[in-house]
Structures are given as structure tokens and as C-alpha cells.
Amino acid sequence: MARRKKIGDIYRFDFDEKYHCYCQILKENDVCFFDFYSDNENDNINEILNKNEIFRIWLDRDCFKSSKWKFICNKELFDSRKNITKKYNKPIGNDYYQIYEEGKFVKATREECKGLEYTAAWTELGVIQRLNYYFFGKELPQNIKKDIPFYE
């Protein structure tokens, strides 16, 4: 039986045949990934929690069903991680943008959306591609490029 995810849960994610990284479950479906990867099985979780976040995204619920995700422990969220980050959306067929914050969408300008993550649930493959891009500089497919933070 699958373990029910809780705020503060930390998972190790084997995103490569050799390397893994860590993420923590935050509030409202946010998951933060840390600026850390390793091939060591004895990583210090307390040190990892002090690393910078590389991104916060929503994960597709099927991600945790894969054997690549391993529950490590539950740790209290740092105060800086208790705040939910805004995300943006641009509904198909519309010329306006929206920002998701505090559980709802509000209309926004394109300018207000710059630097925000897209409101999408990332699949395991998308997360792998994004981590390989971040850590190793591997090229991202076009469908992934459009969903990373909006800068244009």
C-alpha cells in the first residue's frame, strides 16, 4: 500500500542511473527540489535542507508510484518554505494571463508573470529532463522549455 504524503515529507528521487536528488512536500501540492545531487546512499538530510531550492513545482500524482521515488523522512518545513509560491497560467484560446495564489486564479499582466512557474503538474519524465538540464546542462525538449519559469 502506498504511503500517504504529508507536508514535510522528504523523498529521494533517482533521476539518473547513477544520481539522485531530494525534494520536500510543501503546502498546496508544491514540491521543492534542492540544489544537490549525489551518488552516495548516506547523504546528510539536514545539510540538504539548507541547500537552495532549484525549483518548486506541482508533481503529477503518479510520480510517487514509481520506484524512483523513495520516502526518506518527515522534517518540519523551514519558515521560508511555508509560503506558497505564485504560479502563472495562460488559458488556451485567451489573450490574458492568470496568477495562481492562495488557492485561486486572478487575472494578471504578462509582465507580472515573468519568473513564475507554469501551473502544470509535472510528470516524472519532465522532472528528469529538467534536473538533467539544471545539473548537467542537457538540452531540454521544446515542450519542457515552454513550462519552465516564464522570462520572455
N, C-alpha and C. Protein backbone atom coordinates (compact mmCIF):
# COMPACT_ATOMS: atom_id res chain seq x y z
N MET A 1 0.84 -1.18 0.00
CA MET A 1 0.00 0.00 0.00
C MET A 1 0.89 1.24 0.00
N ALA A 2 0.52 2.22 -0.82
CA ALA A 2 1.31 3.45 -0.92
C ALA A 2 1.14 4.29 0.34
N ARG A 3 2.21 4.92 0.72
CA ARG A 3 2.20 5.79 1.89
C ARG A 3 1.52 7.11 1.52
N ARG A 4 0.70 7.62 2.36
CA ARG A 4 0.05 8.91 2.12
C ARG A 4 1.05 10.04 2.36
N LYS A 5 1.18 10.92 1.41
CA LYS A 5 2.14 12.01 1.51
C LYS A 5 1.66 13.08 2.49
N LYS A 6 2.63 13.63 3.23
CA LYS A 6 2.33 14.67 4.22
C LYS A 6 3.26 15.85 4.01
N ILE A 7 2.80 17.00 4.43
CA ILE A 7 3.65 18.19 4.38
C ILE A 7 4.91 17.90 5.19
N GLY A 8 6.07 18.19 4.61
CA GLY A 8 7.34 17.96 5.27
C GLY A 8 8.04 16.68 4.84
N ASP A 9 7.32 15.80 4.15
CA ASP A 9 7.94 14.55 3.69
C ASP A 9 9.09 14.85 2.74
N ILE A 10 10.16 14.11 2.92
CA ILE A 10 11.32 14.24 2.05
C ILE A 10 11.48 12.94 1.27
N TYR A 11 11.67 13.09 -0.03
CA TYR A 11 11.85 11.95 -0.92
C TYR A 11 13.18 12.05 -1.63
N ARG A 12 13.78 10.90 -1.83
CA ARG A 12 14.95 10.81 -2.70
C ARG A 12 14.42 10.38 -4.06
N PHE A 13 14.89 11.05 -5.09
CA PHE A 13 14.43 10.75 -6.45
C PHE A 13 15.62 10.33 -7.30
N ASP A 14 15.60 9.09 -7.76
CA ASP A 14 16.66 8.56 -8.62
C ASP A 14 16.38 9.03 -10.06
N PHE A 15 16.89 10.20 -10.40
CA PHE A 15 16.59 10.79 -11.70
C PHE A 15 17.55 10.35 -12.79
N ASP A 16 18.55 9.57 -12.43
CA ASP A 16 19.58 9.13 -13.36
C ASP A 16 19.97 7.71 -12.92
N GLU A 17 20.64 6.99 -13.78
CA GLU A 17 21.07 5.64 -13.39
C GLU A 17 22.07 5.68 -12.24
N LYS A 18 22.77 6.79 -12.12
CA LYS A 18 23.79 6.90 -11.08
C LYS A 18 23.41 7.88 -9.97
N TYR A 19 22.70 8.94 -10.31
CA TYR A 19 22.49 10.05 -9.37
C TYR A 19 21.05 10.14 -8.86
N HIS A 20 20.94 10.73 -7.68
CA HIS A 20 19.65 11.04 -7.11
C HIS A 20 19.68 12.46 -6.54
N CYS A 21 18.51 12.99 -6.28
CA CYS A 21 18.38 14.30 -5.64
C CYS A 21 17.26 14.18 -4.61
N TYR A 22 16.92 15.28 -3.98
CA TYR A 22 15.91 15.25 -2.93
C TYR A 22 14.89 16.36 -3.14
N CYS A 23 13.68 16.05 -2.69
CA CYS A 23 12.61 17.05 -2.72
C CYS A 23 11.82 16.95 -1.42
N GLN A 24 11.08 18.01 -1.14
CA GLN A 24 10.26 18.04 0.06
C GLN A 24 8.86 18.49 -0.31
N ILE A 25 7.87 17.84 0.28
CA ILE A 25 6.47 18.18 0.05
C ILE A 25 6.15 19.43 0.87
N LEU A 26 5.62 20.44 0.17
CA LEU A 26 5.22 21.68 0.82
C LEU A 26 3.69 21.74 0.85
N LYS A 27 3.16 22.89 1.11
CA LYS A 27 1.70 23.06 1.14
C LYS A 27 1.13 23.15 -0.27
N GLU A 28 -0.16 22.87 -0.36
CA GLU A 28 -0.93 23.02 -1.59
C GLU A 28 -0.26 22.43 -2.82
N ASN A 29 0.21 21.23 -2.70
CA ASN A 29 0.79 20.47 -3.82
C ASN A 29 2.15 20.96 -4.28
N ASP A 30 2.71 21.98 -3.67
CA ASP A 30 4.05 22.42 -4.03
C ASP A 30 5.07 21.38 -3.57
N VAL A 31 6.07 21.17 -4.39
CA VAL A 31 7.19 20.29 -4.06
C VAL A 31 8.45 21.06 -4.43
N CYS A 32 9.38 21.19 -3.49
CA CYS A 32 10.63 21.89 -3.82
C CYS A 32 11.75 20.88 -3.99
N PHE A 33 12.58 21.14 -4.99
CA PHE A 33 13.76 20.34 -5.26
C PHE A 33 14.98 21.14 -4.84
N PHE A 34 15.95 20.46 -4.24
CA PHE A 34 17.12 21.12 -3.70
C PHE A 34 18.30 21.09 -4.66
N ASP A 35 19.15 22.08 -4.53
CA ASP A 35 20.35 22.21 -5.36
C ASP A 35 21.41 21.24 -4.85
N PHE A 36 21.15 19.97 -5.10
CA PHE A 36 22.03 18.91 -4.60
C PHE A 36 21.74 17.63 -5.37
N TYR A 37 22.77 16.98 -5.81
CA TYR A 37 22.63 15.62 -6.36
C TYR A 37 23.82 14.81 -5.88
N SER A 38 23.64 13.49 -5.87
CA SER A 38 24.66 12.64 -5.27
C SER A 38 24.54 11.22 -5.80
N ASP A 39 25.63 10.48 -5.63
CA ASP A 39 25.58 9.04 -5.88
C ASP A 39 25.86 8.27 -4.59
N ASN A 40 25.80 8.99 -3.46
CA ASN A 40 26.08 8.43 -2.15
C ASN A 40 24.76 8.07 -1.46
N GLU A 41 24.70 6.91 -0.87
CA GLU A 41 23.48 6.48 -0.17
C GLU A 41 23.37 7.09 1.23
N ASN A 42 24.43 7.70 1.73
CA ASN A 42 24.44 8.22 3.10
C ASN A 42 24.46 9.74 3.15
N ASP A 43 23.61 10.38 2.36
CA ASP A 43 23.56 11.84 2.34
C ASP A 43 23.00 12.37 3.66
N ASN A 44 23.47 13.54 4.05
CA ASN A 44 23.02 14.18 5.28
C ASN A 44 21.80 15.05 4.96
N ILE A 45 20.64 14.59 5.36
CA ILE A 45 19.38 15.29 5.04
C ILE A 45 19.35 16.69 5.62
N ASN A 46 19.87 16.88 6.84
CA ASN A 46 19.87 18.22 7.44
C ASN A 46 20.70 19.20 6.61
N GLU A 47 21.81 18.75 6.06
CA GLU A 47 22.61 19.62 5.19
C GLU A 47 21.87 19.90 3.89
N ILE A 48 21.21 18.92 3.36
CA ILE A 48 20.47 19.09 2.10
C ILE A 48 19.35 20.11 2.27
N LEU A 49 18.65 20.07 3.39
CA LEU A 49 17.57 21.01 3.63
C LEU A 49 18.05 22.46 3.67
N ASN A 50 19.33 22.66 3.94
CA ASN A 50 19.89 24.01 3.96
C ASN A 50 20.36 24.48 2.58
N LYS A 51 20.28 23.60 1.58
CA LYS A 51 20.66 23.98 0.22
C LYS A 51 19.57 24.87 -0.37
N ASN A 52 19.94 25.61 -1.40
CA ASN A 52 18.95 26.43 -2.11
C ASN A 52 17.96 25.53 -2.83
N GLU A 53 16.78 26.06 -3.06
CA GLU A 53 15.80 25.38 -3.89
C GLU A 53 16.15 25.69 -5.34
N ILE A 54 16.03 24.69 -6.21
CA ILE A 54 16.24 24.98 -7.63
C ILE A 54 14.91 25.26 -8.32
N PHE A 55 13.86 24.64 -7.86
CA PHE A 55 12.52 24.98 -8.34
C PHE A 55 11.47 24.37 -7.44
N ARG A 56 10.27 24.97 -7.52
CA ARG A 56 9.09 24.45 -6.84
C ARG A 56 8.05 24.20 -7.91
N ILE A 57 7.55 22.99 -7.93
CA ILE A 57 6.58 22.63 -8.95
C ILE A 57 5.48 21.77 -8.33
N TRP A 58 4.44 21.56 -9.11
CA TRP A 58 3.44 20.57 -8.76
C TRP A 58 3.83 19.28 -9.46
N LEU A 59 3.69 18.17 -8.79
CA LEU A 59 4.00 16.88 -9.38
C LEU A 59 2.72 16.12 -9.72
N ASP A 60 2.76 15.43 -10.82
CA ASP A 60 1.67 14.53 -11.18
C ASP A 60 1.56 13.47 -10.08
N ARG A 61 0.36 13.13 -9.72
CA ARG A 61 0.17 12.20 -8.60
C ARG A 61 0.78 10.83 -8.85
N ASP A 62 0.97 10.47 -10.12
CA ASP A 62 1.56 9.16 -10.43
C ASP A 62 3.07 9.12 -10.19
N CYS A 63 3.70 10.26 -10.03
CA CYS A 63 5.16 10.27 -9.83
C CYS A 63 5.57 9.39 -8.66
N PHE A 64 4.90 9.52 -7.55
CA PHE A 64 5.31 8.80 -6.35
C PHE A 64 5.00 7.31 -6.40
N LYS A 65 4.30 6.88 -7.44
CA LYS A 65 4.03 5.45 -7.59
C LYS A 65 5.24 4.71 -8.18
N SER A 66 6.15 5.45 -8.76
CA SER A 66 7.34 4.87 -9.38
C SER A 66 8.35 4.47 -8.31
N SER A 67 9.13 3.48 -8.62
CA SER A 67 10.17 3.02 -7.68
C SER A 67 11.35 4.01 -7.62
N LYS A 68 11.35 5.02 -8.46
CA LYS A 68 12.43 6.01 -8.44
C LYS A 68 12.31 6.98 -7.25
N TRP A 69 11.13 7.03 -6.63
CA TRP A 69 10.87 7.94 -5.52
C TRP A 69 10.88 7.13 -4.22
N LYS A 70 11.76 7.49 -3.30
CA LYS A 70 11.86 6.76 -2.04
C LYS A 70 11.66 7.72 -0.86
N PHE A 71 10.68 7.40 -0.04
CA PHE A 71 10.44 8.20 1.16
C PHE A 71 11.65 8.08 2.09
N ILE A 72 12.13 9.22 2.58
CA ILE A 72 13.29 9.22 3.49
C ILE A 72 12.85 9.52 4.92
N CYS A 73 12.16 10.63 5.11
CA CYS A 73 11.73 11.03 6.45
C CYS A 73 10.78 12.22 6.34
N ASN A 74 10.30 12.67 7.46
CA ASN A 74 9.48 13.88 7.51
C ASN A 74 10.19 14.88 8.39
N LYS A 75 10.35 16.10 7.89
CA LYS A 75 11.00 17.17 8.64
C LYS A 75 10.13 18.41 8.59
N GLU A 76 10.12 19.14 9.67
CA GLU A 76 9.39 20.42 9.74
C GLU A 76 9.88 21.33 8.62
N LEU A 77 8.94 22.04 8.01
CA LEU A 77 9.31 22.99 6.96
C LEU A 77 10.01 24.19 7.56
N PHE A 78 11.05 24.66 6.87
CA PHE A 78 11.66 25.94 7.24
C PHE A 78 10.60 27.01 7.01
N ASP A 79 10.66 28.10 7.77
CA ASP A 79 9.70 29.19 7.60
C ASP A 79 9.64 29.68 6.16
N SER A 80 10.79 29.75 5.51
CA SER A 80 10.85 30.25 4.12
C SER A 80 10.12 29.32 3.15
N ARG A 81 9.87 28.10 3.54
CA ARG A 81 9.20 27.15 2.66
C ARG A 81 7.71 27.01 2.99
N LYS A 82 7.27 27.71 4.00
CA LYS A 82 5.86 27.63 4.36
C LYS A 82 4.99 28.51 3.45
N ASN A 83 5.61 29.47 2.80
CA ASN A 83 4.86 30.34 1.89
C ASN A 83 4.74 29.67 0.54
N ILE A 84 3.54 29.69 0.00
CA ILE A 84 3.31 29.10 -1.31
C ILE A 84 3.75 30.09 -2.37
N THR A 85 4.50 29.61 -3.35
CA THR A 85 4.95 30.49 -4.42
C THR A 85 3.85 30.63 -5.46
N LYS A 86 3.78 31.80 -6.03
CA LYS A 86 2.82 32.05 -7.10
C LYS A 86 3.23 31.28 -8.35
N LYS A 87 2.24 30.94 -9.16
CA LYS A 87 2.48 30.31 -10.46
C LYS A 87 1.60 31.04 -11.47
N TYR A 88 1.95 30.90 -12.75
CA TYR A 88 1.14 31.59 -13.76
C TYR A 88 0.44 30.59 -14.67
N ASN A 89 -0.58 31.10 -15.35
CA ASN A 89 -1.31 30.30 -16.33
C ASN A 89 -1.75 31.23 -17.46
N LYS A 90 -1.83 30.69 -18.64
CA LYS A 90 -2.39 31.40 -19.79
C LYS A 90 -3.38 30.44 -20.44
N PRO A 91 -4.66 30.63 -20.13
CA PRO A 91 -5.66 29.70 -20.65
C PRO A 91 -5.63 29.63 -22.18
N ILE A 92 -5.77 28.44 -22.71
CA ILE A 92 -5.76 28.23 -24.15
C ILE A 92 -6.92 29.00 -24.77
N GLY A 93 -6.63 29.71 -25.85
CA GLY A 93 -7.66 30.45 -26.56
C GLY A 93 -7.94 31.82 -25.99
N ASN A 94 -7.23 32.21 -24.95
CA ASN A 94 -7.41 33.55 -24.36
C ASN A 94 -6.14 34.35 -24.51
N ASP A 95 -6.28 35.66 -24.47
CA ASP A 95 -5.10 36.52 -24.61
C ASP A 95 -4.68 37.12 -23.26
N TYR A 96 -5.22 36.61 -22.19
CA TYR A 96 -4.84 37.12 -20.88
C TYR A 96 -4.09 36.05 -20.07
N TYR A 97 -3.42 36.50 -19.04
CA TYR A 97 -2.67 35.64 -18.13
C TYR A 97 -3.37 35.60 -16.79
N GLN A 98 -3.02 34.60 -15.99
CA GLN A 98 -3.54 34.49 -14.64
C GLN A 98 -2.39 34.13 -13.70
N ILE A 99 -2.52 34.54 -12.47
CA ILE A 99 -1.58 34.13 -11.43
C ILE A 99 -2.37 33.32 -10.41
N TYR A 100 -1.80 32.17 -10.04
CA TYR A 100 -2.40 31.32 -9.02
C TYR A 100 -1.73 31.65 -7.70
N GLU A 101 -2.54 32.09 -6.76
CA GLU A 101 -2.02 32.33 -5.41
C GLU A 101 -3.16 32.15 -4.41
N GLU A 102 -2.80 31.62 -3.28
CA GLU A 102 -3.75 31.38 -2.20
C GLU A 102 -4.98 30.62 -2.68
N GLY A 103 -4.75 29.61 -3.53
CA GLY A 103 -5.82 28.72 -3.93
C GLY A 103 -6.75 29.22 -5.00
N LYS A 104 -6.43 30.35 -5.64
CA LYS A 104 -7.31 30.83 -6.70
C LYS A 104 -6.50 31.54 -7.79
N PHE A 105 -7.14 31.66 -8.96
CA PHE A 105 -6.54 32.35 -10.09
C PHE A 105 -7.06 33.78 -10.15
N VAL A 106 -6.15 34.72 -10.40
CA VAL A 106 -6.53 36.12 -10.60
C VAL A 106 -5.90 36.59 -11.91
N LYS A 107 -6.62 37.43 -12.64
CA LYS A 107 -6.08 37.96 -13.89
C LYS A 107 -4.81 38.73 -13.61
N ALA A 108 -3.89 38.66 -14.56
CA ALA A 108 -2.60 39.33 -14.40
C ALA A 108 -2.09 39.78 -15.77
N THR A 109 -1.08 40.60 -15.74
CA THR A 109 -0.44 41.01 -16.99
C THR A 109 0.71 40.05 -17.28
N ARG A 110 1.13 40.07 -18.52
CA ARG A 110 2.28 39.25 -18.93
C ARG A 110 3.49 39.61 -18.08
N GLU A 111 3.67 40.88 -17.82
CA GLU A 111 4.81 41.36 -17.03
C GLU A 111 4.79 40.78 -15.62
N GLU A 112 3.62 40.68 -15.01
CA GLU A 112 3.50 40.15 -13.64
C GLU A 112 3.84 38.66 -13.57
N CYS A 113 3.78 37.97 -14.70
CA CYS A 113 4.02 36.53 -14.73
C CYS A 113 5.49 36.17 -14.94
N LYS A 114 6.30 37.13 -15.29
CA LYS A 114 7.71 36.83 -15.55
C LYS A 114 8.38 36.23 -14.33
N GLY A 115 9.12 35.15 -14.55
CA GLY A 115 9.86 34.49 -13.49
C GLY A 115 9.06 33.46 -12.70
N LEU A 116 7.78 33.30 -13.03
CA LEU A 116 6.95 32.34 -12.30
C LEU A 116 6.90 31.00 -13.02
N GLU A 117 6.69 29.96 -12.25
CA GLU A 117 6.48 28.63 -12.80
C GLU A 117 5.09 28.55 -13.40
N TYR A 118 4.94 27.69 -14.40
CA TYR A 118 3.65 27.45 -15.03
C TYR A 118 2.82 26.53 -14.14
N THR A 119 1.50 26.74 -14.12
CA THR A 119 0.62 25.90 -13.30
C THR A 119 0.37 24.58 -14.02
N ALA A 120 1.28 23.68 -13.86
CA ALA A 120 1.17 22.37 -14.50
C ALA A 120 1.67 21.31 -13.53
N ALA A 121 1.07 20.14 -13.62
CA ALA A 121 1.56 19.01 -12.83
C ALA A 121 2.61 18.30 -13.67
N TRP A 122 3.84 18.30 -13.19
CA TRP A 122 4.96 17.72 -13.93
C TRP A 122 4.96 16.21 -13.83
N THR A 123 5.22 15.57 -14.95
CA THR A 123 5.36 14.11 -14.96
C THR A 123 6.79 13.76 -14.56
N GLU A 124 7.00 12.51 -14.25
CA GLU A 124 8.33 12.04 -13.86
C GLU A 124 9.35 12.32 -14.96
N LEU A 125 9.00 12.05 -16.22
CA LEU A 125 9.94 12.29 -17.31
C LEU A 125 10.29 13.77 -17.42
N GLY A 126 9.31 14.64 -17.26
CA GLY A 126 9.58 16.08 -17.30
C GLY A 126 10.52 16.51 -16.19
N VAL A 127 10.34 15.96 -15.00
CA VAL A 127 11.22 16.29 -13.87
C VAL A 127 12.63 15.79 -14.16
N ILE A 128 12.75 14.58 -14.69
CA ILE A 128 14.07 14.04 -15.04
C ILE A 128 14.77 14.96 -16.04
N GLN A 129 14.05 15.35 -17.08
CA GLN A 129 14.65 16.23 -18.09
C GLN A 129 15.05 17.56 -17.50
N ARG A 130 14.24 18.08 -16.64
CA ARG A 130 14.56 19.38 -16.03
C ARG A 130 15.77 19.28 -15.10
N LEU A 131 15.86 18.22 -14.33
CA LEU A 131 17.02 18.03 -13.45
C LEU A 131 18.30 17.81 -14.25
N ASN A 132 18.21 17.04 -15.32
CA ASN A 132 19.38 16.83 -16.19
C ASN A 132 19.83 18.14 -16.84
N TYR A 133 18.89 18.98 -17.16
CA TYR A 133 19.21 20.30 -17.71
C TYR A 133 19.92 21.15 -16.64
N TYR A 134 19.34 21.17 -15.45
CA TYR A 134 19.89 22.00 -14.38
C TYR A 134 21.27 21.52 -13.94
N PHE A 135 21.40 20.25 -13.65
CA PHE A 135 22.66 19.74 -13.11
C PHE A 135 23.74 19.48 -14.16
N PHE A 136 23.34 19.05 -15.35
CA PHE A 136 24.32 18.61 -16.34
C PHE A 136 24.29 19.37 -17.66
N GLY A 137 23.38 20.34 -17.78
CA GLY A 137 23.31 21.15 -19.00
C GLY A 137 22.77 20.43 -20.21
N LYS A 138 22.07 19.31 -20.01
CA LYS A 138 21.50 18.58 -21.15
C LYS A 138 20.35 19.39 -21.75
N GLU A 139 20.25 19.36 -23.06
CA GLU A 139 19.23 20.12 -23.79
C GLU A 139 17.83 19.69 -23.36
N LEU A 140 16.95 20.68 -23.25
CA LEU A 140 15.56 20.41 -22.93
C LEU A 140 14.72 20.28 -24.20
N PRO A 141 13.77 19.37 -24.22
CA PRO A 141 12.85 19.32 -25.35
C PRO A 141 11.99 20.59 -25.37
N GLN A 142 11.50 20.98 -26.52
CA GLN A 142 10.72 22.21 -26.65
C GLN A 142 9.49 22.21 -25.74
N ASN A 143 8.83 21.05 -25.60
CA ASN A 143 7.63 21.01 -24.76
C ASN A 143 7.95 21.28 -23.29
N ILE A 144 9.18 21.05 -22.86
CA ILE A 144 9.58 21.34 -21.48
C ILE A 144 10.01 22.81 -21.37
N LYS A 145 10.70 23.32 -22.37
CA LYS A 145 11.17 24.71 -22.32
C LYS A 145 10.02 25.68 -22.07
N LYS A 146 8.87 25.39 -22.65
CA LYS A 146 7.75 26.32 -22.51
C LYS A 146 7.18 26.35 -21.09
N ASP A 147 7.47 25.34 -20.30
CA ASP A 147 6.87 25.26 -18.96
C ASP A 147 7.82 25.65 -17.83
N ILE A 148 9.07 25.92 -18.13
CA ILE A 148 9.95 26.38 -17.06
C ILE A 148 9.70 27.86 -16.84
N PRO A 149 10.23 28.47 -15.79
CA PRO A 149 9.84 29.84 -15.46
C PRO A 149 9.78 30.77 -16.67
N PHE A 150 8.76 31.55 -16.68
CA PHE A 150 8.43 32.44 -17.78
C PHE A 150 9.31 33.69 -17.70
N TYR A 151 10.19 33.86 -18.69
CA TYR A 151 11.08 35.03 -18.67
C TYR A 151 10.89 35.96 -19.87
N GLU A 152 10.30 35.47 -20.95
CA GLU A 152 10.24 36.27 -22.17
C GLU A 152 9.19 37.37 -22.08
